[in-house]
Amino acid sequence: MEPKRDKQEPDAYAKAGLAMMIPMLMAAGPIAGLLVGWALQRWLGWGKWILWVMLVLGLIAGARETINVIKRLS
């Protein structure tokens, strides 16, 4: 005989998984921005400003995705 499972159990696990994505999103955006900025700086020979621009864009992208995840959790 199979034990009864709570209907809310999968939902709780899904929310926990989404919540665990938040630190990764906050780190991945700036890291990706830095890598793209560094590559553009090396490849095109632009100044260090492109590195900072891409870092800021990465921070914005990470924050935006984090806000979307938090909205899904609510």
C-alpha atoms as a PDB file:
ATOM      1  CA  MET A   1       0.000   0.000   0.000  1.00  0.00           C
ATOM      2  CA  GLU A   2       1.346   3.397  -1.023  1.00  0.00           C
ATOM      3  CA  PRO A   3       1.642   6.135   1.629  1.00  0.00           C
ATOM      4  CA  LYS A   4      -0.433   9.245   1.072  1.00  0.00           C
ATOM      5  CA  ARG A   5       1.545  12.267  -0.003  1.00  0.00           C
ATOM      6  CA  ASP A   6       0.746  15.809   0.866  1.00  0.00           C
ATOM      7  CA  LYS A   7      -0.325  17.826  -2.179  1.00  0.00           C
ATOM      8  CA  GLN A   8       1.772  20.794  -1.037  1.00  0.00           C
ATOM      9  CA  GLU A   9       5.018  18.848  -0.850  1.00  0.00           C
ATOM     10  CA  PRO A  10       6.080  19.298  -4.523  1.00  0.00           C
ATOM     11  CA  ASP A  11       5.150  22.979  -4.396  1.00  0.00           C
ATOM     12  CA  ALA A  12       7.358  23.491  -1.347  1.00  0.00           C
ATOM     13  CA  TYR A  13      10.284  21.790  -3.075  1.00  0.00           C
ATOM     14  CA  ALA A  14       9.790  23.905  -6.196  1.00  0.00           C
ATOM     15  CA  LYS A  15       9.789  27.087  -4.122  1.00  0.00           C
ATOM     16  CA  ALA A  16      12.903  25.975  -2.267  1.00  0.00           C
ATOM     17  CA  GLY A  17      14.626  25.336  -5.591  1.00  0.00           C
ATOM     18  CA  LEU A  18      13.687  28.774  -6.859  1.00  0.00           C
ATOM     19  CA  ALA A  19      14.894  30.385  -3.636  1.00  0.00           C
ATOM     20  CA  MET A  20      18.240  28.604  -3.959  1.00  0.00           C
ATOM     21  CA  MET A  21      18.675  30.112  -7.437  1.00  0.00           C
ATOM     22  CA  ILE A  22      18.776  33.670  -6.090  1.00  0.00           C
ATOM     23  CA  PRO A  23      22.440  33.728  -4.934  1.00  0.00           C
ATOM     24  CA  MET A  24      23.515  32.111  -8.196  1.00  0.00           C
ATOM     25  CA  LEU A  25      21.641  34.721 -10.224  1.00  0.00           C
ATOM     26  CA  MET A  26      23.157  37.561  -8.232  1.00  0.00           C
ATOM     27  CA  ALA A  27      26.646  36.195  -8.915  1.00  0.00           C
ATOM     28  CA  ALA A  28      26.190  35.038 -12.521  1.00  0.00           C
ATOM     29  CA  GLY A  29      25.095  38.401 -13.946  1.00  0.00           C
ATOM     30  CA  PRO A  30      28.127  40.410 -12.859  1.00  0.00           C
ATOM     31  CA  ILE A  31      30.539  37.574 -13.687  1.00  0.00           C
ATOM     32  CA  ALA A  32      29.103  37.258 -17.184  1.00  0.00           C
ATOM     33  CA  GLY A  33      29.240  41.030 -17.607  1.00  0.00           C
ATOM     34  CA  LEU A  34      32.870  41.131 -16.529  1.00  0.00           C
ATOM     35  CA  LEU A  35      33.816  38.313 -18.893  1.00  0.00           C
ATOM     36  CA  VAL A  36      32.071  39.918 -21.859  1.00  0.00           C
ATOM     37  CA  GLY A  37      33.548  43.322 -21.008  1.00  0.00           C
ATOM     38  CA  TRP A  38      37.033  41.852 -20.684  1.00  0.00           C
ATOM     39  CA  ALA A  39      36.666  40.035 -24.023  1.00  0.00           C
ATOM     40  CA  LEU A  40      35.445  43.182 -25.782  1.00  0.00           C
ATOM     41  CA  GLN A  41      38.262  45.199 -24.239  1.00  0.00           C
ATOM     42  CA  ARG A  42      40.869  42.720 -25.466  1.00  0.00           C
ATOM     43  CA  TRP A  43      39.306  42.043 -28.861  1.00  0.00           C
ATOM     44  CA  LEU A  44      38.367  45.588 -29.886  1.00  0.00           C
ATOM     45  CA  GLY A  45      41.022  47.408 -27.906  1.00  0.00           C
ATOM     46  CA  TRP A  46      38.526  49.655 -26.166  1.00  0.00           C
ATOM     47  CA  GLY A  47      39.343  51.306 -22.862  1.00  0.00           C
ATOM     48  CA  LYS A  48      38.431  50.057 -19.430  1.00  0.00           C
ATOM     49  CA  TRP A  49      35.086  51.819 -19.593  1.00  0.00           C
ATOM     50  CA  ILE A  50      33.547  48.900 -21.537  1.00  0.00           C
ATOM     51  CA  LEU A  51      34.439  46.596 -18.649  1.00  0.00           C
ATOM     52  CA  TRP A  52      32.568  48.841 -16.211  1.00  0.00           C
ATOM     53  CA  VAL A  53      29.591  49.245 -18.547  1.00  0.00           C
ATOM     54  CA  MET A  54      29.252  45.482 -18.943  1.00  0.00           C
ATOM     55  CA  LEU A  55      29.627  44.977 -15.186  1.00  0.00           C
ATOM     56  CA  VAL A  56      26.778  47.414 -14.523  1.00  0.00           C
ATOM     57  CA  LEU A  57      24.629  45.716 -17.172  1.00  0.00           C
ATOM     58  CA  GLY A  58      25.380  42.355 -15.544  1.00  0.00           C
ATOM     59  CA  LEU A  59      24.373  43.710 -12.142  1.00  0.00           C
ATOM     60  CA  ILE A  60      21.130  45.051 -13.581  1.00  0.00           C
ATOM     61  CA  ALA A  61      20.384  41.741 -15.322  1.00  0.00           C
ATOM     62  CA  GLY A  62      21.080  39.771 -12.128  1.00  0.00           C
ATOM     63  CA  ALA A  63      18.863  42.050 -10.055  1.00  0.00           C
ATOM     64  CA  ARG A  64      16.071  41.889 -12.627  1.00  0.00           C
ATOM     65  CA  GLU A  65      16.113  38.096 -12.713  1.00  0.00           C
ATOM     66  CA  THR A  66      16.189  37.980  -8.921  1.00  0.00           C
ATOM     67  CA  ILE A  67      13.097  40.189  -8.778  1.00  0.00           C
ATOM     68  CA  ASN A  68      11.350  37.876 -11.265  1.00  0.00           C
ATOM     69  CA  VAL A  69      12.185  34.823  -9.118  1.00  0.00           C
ATOM     70  CA  ILE A  70      10.925  36.552  -5.988  1.00  0.00           C
ATOM     71  CA  LYS A  71       7.672  37.383  -7.774  1.00  0.00           C
ATOM     72  CA  ARG A  72       7.276  33.709  -8.750  1.00  0.00           C
ATOM     73  CA  LEU A  73       7.823  32.698  -5.131  1.00  0.00           C
ATOM     74  CA  SER A  74       5.032  34.979  -3.886  1.00  0.00           C
END
